[in-house]
């Protein structure tokens, strides 16, 4: 029998990006990330992910944004021993809407990305690194047709 995860105090940071466009997105209290997928081309078009909540239940979130058939799609599957330490990226105004243009994830095993268009300027950069002994376990944010903002849970 699998034991339940040890509860952690979830701390929200962010979101970075637009604060009014799209719909606010949030999740049940997360314990560990299992996977994430980024659908992108010039912007981050869609962002679904899966995680284990603090009751031990596997959950899926998103996609936040719609994605398109011509997009590049990358999926990251995290080993049980792998955890996200840092999320960074950029956002910019696009037709009177603030959208996330680039995302990058750093884990204890390596770096994924940047996904999107890092040369999409002018853009405002953002970055978050989990404190020593902590890890990023989930996300919150805003989305419409695209990803408008992203924040993290540690």
Protein backbone atom coordinates (compact mmCIF):
# COMPACT_ATOMS: atom_id res chain seq x y z
CA UNK A 1 0.00 0.00 0.00
CA UNK A 2 1.35 3.40 -0.98
CA UNK A 3 1.56 5.94 1.82
CA UNK A 4 0.12 9.43 1.47
CA UNK A 5 2.50 12.31 0.78
CA UNK A 6 3.74 14.28 3.74
CA UNK A 7 1.73 17.53 3.64
CA UNK A 8 3.71 20.66 2.87
CA UNK A 9 2.79 24.28 3.33
CA UNK A 10 2.08 25.51 -0.19
CA UNK A 11 3.39 28.99 -0.88
CA UNK A 12 2.19 30.87 -3.98
CA UNK A 13 4.56 33.22 -5.80
CA UNK A 14 3.65 35.34 -8.82
CA UNK A 15 2.01 35.27 -11.23
CA UNK A 16 4.18 37.02 -13.79
CA UNK A 17 2.56 38.41 -16.93
CA UNK A 18 -0.87 39.91 -17.46
CA UNK A 19 -3.11 40.59 -14.47
CA UNK A 20 -6.47 41.21 -16.15
CA UNK A 21 -6.81 39.28 -19.41
CA UNK A 22 -8.00 35.71 -19.48
CA UNK A 23 -9.35 33.54 -16.69
CA UNK A 24 -7.57 32.96 -13.37
CA UNK A 25 -6.25 29.37 -13.14
CA UNK A 26 -5.45 27.49 -9.95
CA UNK A 27 -5.10 23.94 -8.67
CA UNK A 28 -5.62 21.79 -5.57
CA UNK A 29 -2.73 22.01 -3.10
CA UNK A 30 0.18 20.36 -4.94
CA UNK A 31 2.79 17.99 -3.54
CA UNK A 32 4.90 17.04 -6.60
CA UNK A 33 5.02 17.71 -10.35
CA UNK A 34 4.75 14.66 -12.63
CA UNK A 35 4.88 16.23 -16.09
CA UNK A 36 4.34 19.38 -18.08
CA UNK A 37 3.73 20.13 -21.74
CA UNK A 38 4.44 23.36 -23.56
CA UNK A 39 2.71 24.19 -26.85
CA UNK A 40 4.53 27.12 -28.42
CA UNK A 41 5.67 28.93 -31.50
CA UNK A 42 6.18 32.70 -31.12
CA UNK A 43 4.29 32.62 -27.80
CA UNK A 44 3.38 30.01 -25.20
CA UNK A 45 0.04 28.92 -26.64
CA UNK A 46 -0.93 26.20 -24.16
CA UNK A 47 0.41 24.81 -20.90
CA UNK A 48 -1.07 21.59 -19.46
CA UNK A 49 0.63 19.72 -16.59
CA UNK A 50 0.06 16.87 -14.17
CA UNK A 51 0.89 16.67 -10.49
CA UNK A 52 0.26 14.74 -7.29
CA UNK A 53 -1.87 16.65 -4.80
CA UNK A 54 -1.33 16.60 -1.04
CA UNK A 55 -3.86 13.76 -0.69
CA UNK A 56 -1.80 11.56 -3.03
CA UNK A 57 -4.17 11.89 -6.00
CA UNK A 58 -2.78 12.36 -9.52
CA UNK A 59 -4.35 15.43 -11.10
CA UNK A 60 -4.22 17.18 -14.46
CA UNK A 61 -4.43 20.92 -15.04
CA UNK A 62 -5.07 22.71 -18.28
CA UNK A 63 -4.35 23.16 -20.96
CA UNK A 64 -4.17 26.81 -20.00
CA UNK A 65 -4.46 28.33 -23.48
CA UNK A 66 -5.63 26.66 -26.67
CA UNK A 67 -2.58 25.62 -28.70
CA UNK A 68 -2.55 25.32 -32.48
CA UNK A 69 -1.92 22.55 -34.98
CA UNK A 70 1.28 24.22 -36.23
CA UNK A 71 2.78 24.60 -32.76
CA UNK A 72 5.85 22.86 -31.47
CA UNK A 73 4.94 20.67 -28.51
CA UNK A 74 7.37 19.52 -25.84
CA UNK A 75 6.51 17.23 -22.93
CA UNK A 76 8.72 16.83 -19.88
CA UNK A 77 8.23 13.75 -17.67
CA UNK A 78 9.82 14.11 -14.24
CA UNK A 79 11.42 11.12 -12.53
CA UNK A 80 10.34 10.75 -8.89
CA UNK A 81 13.77 12.04 -7.83
CA UNK A 82 13.69 15.05 -10.19
CA UNK A 83 12.26 18.36 -9.06
CA UNK A 84 11.93 21.86 -10.50
CA UNK A 85 14.17 24.44 -8.84
CA UNK A 86 13.67 27.43 -11.13
CA UNK A 87 11.20 28.85 -13.65
CA UNK A 88 12.04 31.82 -15.86
CA UNK A 89 10.76 33.42 -19.00
CA UNK A 90 9.36 36.60 -20.48
CA UNK A 91 6.06 38.25 -21.29
CA UNK A 92 5.03 41.13 -23.52
CA UNK A 93 2.11 43.07 -24.92
CA UNK A 94 0.65 41.41 -28.01
CA UNK A 95 -2.36 43.13 -29.62
CA UNK A 96 -3.38 44.78 -26.31
CA UNK A 97 -3.03 41.53 -24.37
CA UNK A 98 -0.14 40.56 -22.08
CA UNK A 99 1.12 37.09 -23.05
CA UNK A 100 3.91 34.78 -21.90
CA UNK A 101 6.40 34.51 -24.76
CA UNK A 102 9.07 32.23 -23.28
CA UNK A 103 9.40 29.63 -20.51
CA UNK A 104 12.44 27.77 -19.17
CA UNK A 105 12.59 25.19 -16.36
CA UNK A 106 15.67 24.22 -14.35
CA UNK A 107 15.59 20.98 -12.34
CA UNK A 108 18.13 19.18 -10.20
CA UNK A 109 18.78 17.02 -13.31
CA UNK A 110 19.06 19.66 -16.04
CA UNK A 111 17.54 22.54 -17.99
CA UNK A 112 14.50 22.40 -20.27
CA UNK A 113 13.97 25.20 -22.76
CA UNK A 114 13.70 28.01 -23.40
CA UNK A 115 10.37 27.26 -25.09
CA UNK A 116 8.72 30.00 -27.11
CA UNK A 117 10.59 32.86 -28.69
CA UNK A 118 13.41 34.24 -26.52
CA UNK A 119 14.16 36.84 -29.23
CA UNK A 120 10.56 38.13 -29.09
CA UNK A 121 11.41 41.67 -27.98
CA UNK A 122 10.62 43.95 -26.34
CA UNK A 123 9.66 41.69 -23.48
CA UNK A 124 9.79 41.77 -19.70
CA UNK A 125 11.89 39.00 -18.18
CA UNK A 126 10.92 37.18 -14.98
CA UNK A 127 12.47 34.44 -12.92
CA UNK A 128 11.82 32.53 -9.73
CA UNK A 129 14.20 30.18 -7.92
CA UNK A 130 12.97 28.05 -5.03
CA UNK A 131 14.74 28.59 -1.73
CA UNK A 132 17.33 26.05 -0.61
CA UNK A 133 15.54 22.91 0.60
CA UNK A 134 12.36 23.80 -1.30
CA UNK A 135 11.09 22.96 -4.79
CA UNK A 136 8.47 24.12 -7.27
CA UNK A 137 5.54 21.70 -7.05
CA UNK A 138 2.80 23.32 -9.17
CA UNK A 139 1.56 26.35 -11.04
CA UNK A 140 -1.19 28.95 -11.09
CA UNK A 141 -1.82 31.79 -13.52
CA UNK A 142 -4.15 33.24 -16.14
CA UNK A 143 -5.04 32.14 -19.65
CA UNK A 144 -7.24 32.98 -22.60
CA UNK A 145 -6.37 31.71 -26.09
CA UNK A 146 -2.77 31.90 -24.87
CA UNK A 147 -0.95 31.74 -21.53
CA UNK A 148 -1.31 35.25 -20.07
CA UNK A 149 0.53 34.77 -16.76
CA UNK A 150 2.23 32.05 -14.75
CA UNK A 151 3.01 31.69 -11.06
CA UNK A 152 4.43 28.88 -8.96
CA UNK A 153 3.74 26.89 -5.82
CA UNK A 154 6.66 25.87 -3.61
